[in-house]
Protein backbone atom coordinates (compact mmCIF):
# COMPACT_ATOMS: atom_id res chain seq x y z
CA MET A 1 103.87 54.50 141.43
CA LEU A 2 106.94 52.27 141.33
CA THR A 3 106.60 48.76 142.74
CA LEU A 4 109.71 46.78 143.61
CA LEU A 5 110.09 43.08 142.83
CA LEU A 6 111.89 40.29 144.64
CA ASP A 7 112.13 36.77 143.23
CA VAL A 8 112.18 34.06 145.93
CA ASN A 9 113.21 30.47 145.31
CA CYS A 10 109.88 28.80 146.12
CA SER A 11 106.81 27.99 144.06
CA ASN A 12 104.05 29.19 146.38
CA VAL A 13 103.53 31.84 149.07
CA THR A 14 100.42 31.87 151.25
CA SER A 15 98.86 35.09 152.55
CA ALA A 16 100.02 34.16 156.05
CA GLN A 17 103.59 33.62 154.82
CA LEU A 18 103.59 36.92 152.94
CA SER A 19 102.38 38.69 156.07
CA ALA A 20 105.04 36.94 158.19
CA ILE A 21 107.76 37.93 155.69
CA GLU A 22 106.59 41.54 155.82
CA GLN A 23 106.57 41.55 159.64
CA GLU A 24 110.05 40.05 159.92
CA VAL A 25 111.58 42.33 157.29
CA ASN A 26 110.10 45.38 159.03
CA ARG A 27 111.40 44.13 162.38
CA GLN A 28 114.89 43.84 160.91
CA ILE A 29 114.63 47.31 159.34
CA TYR A 30 113.51 48.87 162.64
CA SER A 31 116.48 47.30 164.42
CA ASN A 32 118.49 49.84 162.39
CA ARG A 33 121.41 47.52 161.67
CA SER A 34 124.53 49.00 160.13
CA ILE A 35 125.40 48.24 156.52
CA LYS A 36 129.06 48.19 155.51
CA SER A 37 130.63 47.76 152.13
CA TYR A 38 134.23 46.81 151.39
CA PHE A 39 136.38 45.13 148.77
CA VAL A 40 137.90 41.69 149.30
CA THR A 41 140.51 39.50 147.66
CA ASP A 42 139.80 36.02 146.30
CA GLU A 43 141.46 34.60 149.39
CA GLN A 44 139.23 36.62 151.79
CA LEU A 45 136.12 35.75 149.75
CA LYS A 46 136.50 32.06 150.66
CA ASP A 47 135.82 32.84 154.35
CA ILE A 48 132.67 34.93 153.77
CA PRO A 49 129.26 33.16 153.84
CA LEU A 50 127.83 34.83 150.73
CA VAL A 51 124.15 34.61 149.85
CA LYS A 52 125.11 34.16 146.20
CA THR A 53 128.44 33.60 144.48
CA PRO A 54 129.50 36.69 142.51
CA LYS A 55 129.77 36.60 138.73
CA VAL A 56 132.88 38.79 138.73
CA THR A 57 136.31 37.60 139.83
CA GLU A 58 138.05 40.95 140.39
CA ASN A 59 137.24 44.01 142.48
CA ILE A 60 134.62 42.13 144.47
CA ARG A 61 132.67 44.44 146.74
CA ILE A 62 130.89 42.94 149.73
CA VAL A 63 127.85 44.56 151.30
CA GLU A 64 127.44 43.31 154.86
CA ILE A 65 124.21 43.79 156.78
CA GLU A 66 125.27 43.49 160.39
CA GLY A 67 124.34 40.08 161.75
CA ILE A 68 122.17 39.20 158.76
CA GLU A 69 124.01 38.49 155.51
CA TYR A 70 126.86 39.17 153.10
CA ASN A 71 126.24 40.01 149.44
CA ALA A 72 128.58 40.67 146.57
CA CYS A 73 127.10 43.84 145.12
CA GLY A 74 128.25 46.94 143.28
CA GLY A 75 125.05 48.93 143.78
CA THR A 76 124.09 51.82 146.03
CA HIS A 77 123.13 51.03 149.63
CA VAL A 78 121.91 52.83 152.73
CA ALA A 79 124.21 53.09 155.77
CA GLN A 80 121.58 51.77 158.24
CA THR A 81 118.56 49.52 157.64
CA GLY A 82 116.30 52.10 159.30
CA GLU A 83 116.86 54.45 156.33
CA ILE A 84 114.76 52.11 154.19
CA GLY A 85 111.56 52.84 156.10
CA ILE A 86 108.51 50.60 156.14
CA ILE A 87 108.16 47.69 153.72
CA LYS A 88 104.68 46.78 152.47
CA CYS A 89 104.26 43.50 150.57
CA LEU A 90 101.45 43.95 148.03
CA LYS A 91 101.11 40.58 146.33
CA TRP A 92 103.01 37.66 144.89
CA GLU A 93 102.84 35.77 141.61
CA LYS A 94 104.48 32.74 140.03
CA GLN A 95 107.29 33.73 137.71
CA LYS A 96 109.60 31.21 136.02
CA GLY A 97 109.06 28.58 138.74
CA MET A 98 109.69 31.05 141.56
CA ALA A 99 107.59 33.38 143.68
CA ARG A 100 107.84 37.04 142.69
CA ILE A 101 106.93 39.35 145.57
CA HIS A 102 105.74 42.87 144.73
CA PHE A 103 106.41 45.44 147.44
CA LYS A 104 106.88 49.13 148.19
CA CYS A 105 109.07 50.74 150.78
CA GLY A 106 109.67 54.04 152.53
CA ALA A 107 107.82 57.08 151.19
CA ARG A 108 106.25 55.03 148.35
CA ALA A 109 104.74 52.61 150.87
CA LEU A 110 103.41 55.55 152.89
CA GLN A 111 101.91 57.16 149.75
CA ASP A 112 100.28 53.85 148.83
CA PHE A 113 98.90 53.51 152.37
CA ASN A 114 97.54 57.08 152.30
CA GLU A 115 95.83 56.46 148.94
CA SER A 116 94.30 53.25 150.30
CA VAL A 117 92.98 55.11 153.35
CA ARG A 118 91.52 57.83 151.09
CA ILE A 119 89.71 55.18 149.03
CA LEU A 120 88.42 53.49 152.19
CA ASP A 121 87.16 56.84 153.49
CA VAL A 122 85.27 57.50 150.24
CA LEU A 123 83.73 54.01 150.31
CA SER A 124 82.92 54.40 153.99
CA ALA A 125 81.07 57.64 153.26
CA ARG A 126 79.23 56.19 150.24
CA PHE A 127 78.10 53.10 152.17
CA ASN A 128 77.45 55.20 155.27
CA THR A 129 79.47 52.85 157.47
CA GLY A 130 82.81 52.57 159.27
CA ARG A 131 85.92 51.34 157.44
CA LYS A 132 85.91 47.95 159.17
CA ASP A 133 82.33 47.30 158.03
CA ILE A 134 82.81 48.20 154.35
CA LEU A 135 83.24 44.60 153.14
CA THR A 136 80.13 43.43 155.01
CA ARG A 137 78.18 46.38 153.63
CA PHE A 138 79.46 45.73 150.11
CA GLU A 139 78.50 42.03 150.32
CA LYS A 140 74.98 43.07 151.39
CA TRP A 141 74.80 45.56 148.51
CA GLU A 142 76.02 42.87 146.10
CA GLN A 143 73.28 40.45 147.26
CA GLU A 144 70.63 43.18 146.88
CA HIS A 145 71.96 43.96 143.41
CA LYS A 146 71.69 40.26 142.40
CA GLN A 147 68.12 40.08 143.73
CA LEU A 148 67.11 43.26 141.90
CA LYS A 149 68.70 41.96 138.70
CA ALA A 150 66.75 38.68 139.01
CA GLN A 151 63.52 40.60 139.67
CA MET A 152 64.18 42.87 136.68
CA GLU A 153 64.79 39.88 134.40
CA LEU A 154 61.54 38.28 135.60
CA LEU A 155 59.61 41.52 135.02
CA GLN A 156 61.15 41.87 131.56
CA LYS A 157 60.01 38.32 130.69
CA GLU A 158 56.52 39.00 132.03
CA ASN A 159 56.37 42.29 130.11
CA ALA A 160 57.57 40.63 126.90
CA SER A 161 54.91 37.92 127.32
CA TYR A 162 52.20 40.54 127.95
CA GLN A 163 53.30 42.60 124.94
CA SER A 164 53.36 39.49 122.76
CA LYS A 165 49.80 38.62 123.79
CA GLU A 166 48.62 42.20 123.20
CA LEU A 167 50.31 42.32 119.81
CA LEU A 168 48.87 38.94 118.87
CA ALA A 169 45.39 40.03 119.93
CA THR A 170 45.74 43.25 117.91
CA VAL A 171 46.97 41.36 114.84
CA GLN A 172 44.20 38.75 115.18
CA GLY A 173 41.61 41.54 115.56
CA THR A 174 42.96 43.34 112.50
CA PHE A 175 42.91 40.10 110.52
CA LEU A 176 39.32 39.49 111.60
CA LEU A 177 38.34 42.99 110.49
CA ILE A 178 40.06 42.46 107.16
CA CYS A 179 38.22 39.18 106.70
CA LEU A 180 34.93 40.79 107.68
CA ASN A 181 35.60 43.71 105.36
CA LYS A 182 36.44 41.34 102.50
CA ASN A 183 33.15 39.48 103.07
CA ARG A 184 31.25 42.75 103.11
CA PHE A 185 33.10 43.81 99.98
CA ARG A 186 32.02 40.60 98.23
CA LYS A 187 28.48 41.01 99.50
CA TYR A 188 28.22 44.58 98.28
CA SER A 189 30.50 44.31 95.21
CA LYS A 190 27.53 43.52 92.99
CA TRP A 191 26.40 47.11 93.47
CA LEU A 192 29.74 48.56 92.41
CA PRO A 193 30.12 49.68 88.85
CA GLY A 194 31.96 47.23 86.74
């Protein structure tokens, strides 16, 4: 499923900041602001507070998000911010000295949410617990798993030690029998034909 990327001019984003960004962006989307696009001359461009200076010098198209910002852009845009739908920030990573935010929006965000809920429901059923208790239940299971692994390793060592002793006793007993048999053989070899 397609994930969108946005590079932000900062080197670090905390979980709280990412959550705050998501909340504010969704608030702006839900305000359903109008989005207009129009062409301007070089003279008009000087009076517009652009987010970024355009690379082109002719046929400059401005996309204005009512009360928010002005961008020089030739791409496709919605007419109202509400058409975007929900934005869900997934994660961020450092990329070329900036923070790259991964997100989904609209139907893709809803599909991602529905898949996450399905996974939570399966885990909830497997751990026989409610969704909000899954992490606690998983941590308990993880601790039990570590304890069982430690116990198994201890039992394997004890078993290996026991088997070594049994094998050694068997080998020593066999060696003793061989020695005894050799002594008997020497004792009785005088009666064997030459």
